[in-house]
Amino acid sequence: MAKQTIGQLAKVVRSKNAKPFRTTFDVIFSDEATYRRVVDQKVLTPEKIAALYKIDRSRITSFFEFPAGLAIKFTFRRGIKQGSIGDTDIYGCGQHAPLLDIEVD
């Protein structure tokens, strides 16, 4: 099987604010086989997410796999308060983009 990306495999990949100090992410799949493929390969882990976003692992406040929803969900503390000077994404809705290019075997 050829490598594919999260962007190709997931039905939904999104990010949004979770109050002014956190951003939350959802990666949702259409079928159990694809969800299991990503989970079993440990494609997304708190450590990999921290490396991808160049943040300390301690900023990730929650990470969980949600089999009933075929989803992987996580939240991390923002580096800057929402709406502060220097905030480049006030709604947090563009922060999911780096996840799209992660390769899955």
Protein backbone atom coordinates (compact mmCIF):
# COMPACT_ATOMS: atom_id res chain seq x y z
CA MET A 1 0.00 0.00 0.00
CA ALA A 2 1.40 3.40 -0.99
CA LYS A 3 1.91 6.15 1.55
CA GLN A 4 -0.94 8.58 1.91
CA THR A 5 -1.32 11.73 3.98
CA ILE A 6 -3.69 12.56 6.79
CA GLY A 7 -5.21 15.11 4.41
CA GLN A 8 -6.05 12.30 1.97
CA LEU A 9 -7.29 9.85 4.58
CA ALA A 10 -9.33 11.96 6.99
CA LYS A 11 -12.87 13.11 6.37
CA VAL A 12 -12.37 16.14 8.63
CA VAL A 13 -9.24 17.84 9.91
CA ARG A 14 -10.00 21.03 11.81
CA SER A 15 -8.79 23.36 14.50
CA LYS A 16 -10.53 26.04 16.51
CA ASN A 17 -10.16 28.08 19.64
CA ALA A 18 -10.99 26.48 22.93
CA LYS A 19 -11.31 29.68 24.96
CA PRO A 20 -8.65 32.40 24.66
CA PHE A 21 -5.67 30.30 25.76
CA ARG A 22 -6.09 26.98 23.92
CA THR A 23 -6.50 25.56 20.43
CA THR A 24 -8.28 22.25 19.89
CA PHE A 25 -7.97 19.86 16.96
CA ASP A 26 -10.13 17.09 15.50
CA VAL A 27 -9.03 14.47 12.97
CA ILE A 28 -12.05 12.41 11.95
CA PHE A 29 -12.10 9.41 9.62
CA SER A 30 -14.89 7.94 7.46
CA ASP A 31 -14.30 4.30 8.27
CA GLU A 32 -12.92 2.14 11.04
CA ALA A 33 -10.19 0.56 8.90
CA THR A 34 -8.61 3.92 8.12
CA TYR A 35 -8.98 5.11 11.72
CA ARG A 36 -7.33 1.90 12.99
CA ARG A 37 -4.53 2.22 10.41
CA VAL A 38 -3.61 5.67 11.72
CA VAL A 39 -4.04 4.78 15.41
CA ASP A 40 -2.20 1.45 15.19
CA GLN A 41 0.77 3.09 13.47
CA LYS A 42 0.86 5.80 16.15
CA VAL A 43 0.93 8.43 13.43
CA LEU A 44 -0.40 11.05 15.87
CA THR A 45 0.97 11.06 19.41
CA PRO A 46 1.48 13.94 21.83
CA GLU A 47 5.23 13.77 21.20
CA LYS A 48 4.83 13.89 17.41
CA ILE A 49 2.35 16.75 17.66
CA ALA A 50 4.73 18.71 19.92
CA ALA A 51 7.54 18.20 17.39
CA LEU A 52 5.32 19.15 14.44
CA TYR A 53 4.18 22.38 16.08
CA LYS A 54 7.59 23.07 17.65
CA ILE A 55 6.11 23.32 21.13
CA ASP A 56 7.05 21.77 24.43
CA ARG A 57 5.16 18.54 25.15
CA SER A 58 3.84 20.10 28.37
CA ARG A 59 1.68 22.53 26.34
CA ILE A 60 -0.50 19.64 25.13
CA THR A 61 -3.31 19.59 27.68
CA SER A 62 -5.33 16.70 26.25
CA PHE A 63 -4.92 13.95 23.67
CA PHE A 64 -7.28 11.08 23.11
CA GLU A 65 -8.36 8.57 20.54
CA PHE A 66 -12.15 8.34 20.28
CA PRO A 67 -13.05 5.04 18.56
CA ALA A 68 -16.83 5.61 18.72
CA GLY A 69 -16.37 8.78 16.66
CA LEU A 70 -13.46 7.45 14.55
CA ALA A 71 -11.55 10.50 15.74
CA ILE A 72 -8.31 11.65 17.28
CA LYS A 73 -8.67 14.82 19.33
CA PHE A 74 -6.12 17.00 21.09
CA THR A 75 -5.74 20.44 22.61
CA PHE A 76 -2.76 22.59 23.38
CA ARG A 77 -2.12 25.89 25.10
CA ARG A 78 -1.65 28.77 22.69
CA GLY A 79 1.66 30.57 22.69
CA ILE A 80 -0.14 33.90 22.76
CA LYS A 81 -3.56 34.91 24.07
CA GLN A 82 -6.26 35.03 21.40
CA GLY A 83 -6.53 38.51 19.94
CA SER A 84 -3.29 39.77 21.46
CA ILE A 85 -0.80 41.74 19.40
CA GLY A 86 1.09 39.19 17.33
CA ASP A 87 -1.79 36.69 17.13
CA THR A 88 -1.76 35.44 13.54
CA ASP A 89 -4.93 33.31 13.73
CA ILE A 90 -7.51 34.86 16.03
CA TYR A 91 -10.02 32.03 15.48
CA GLY A 92 -7.51 29.18 15.52
CA CYS A 93 -9.12 27.80 12.37
CA GLY A 94 -5.94 27.57 10.30
CA GLN A 95 -3.76 25.74 12.79
CA HIS A 96 -4.66 22.27 11.49
CA ALA A 97 -2.79 22.75 8.19
CA PRO A 98 0.50 21.07 9.27
CA LEU A 99 -1.43 17.88 10.08
CA LEU A 100 -2.56 17.48 6.47
CA ASP A 101 0.87 16.50 5.14
CA ILE A 102 1.72 13.84 7.74
CA GLU A 103 2.42 10.60 5.90
CA VAL A 104 0.79 7.30 6.79
CA ASP A 105 2.18 3.95 5.58
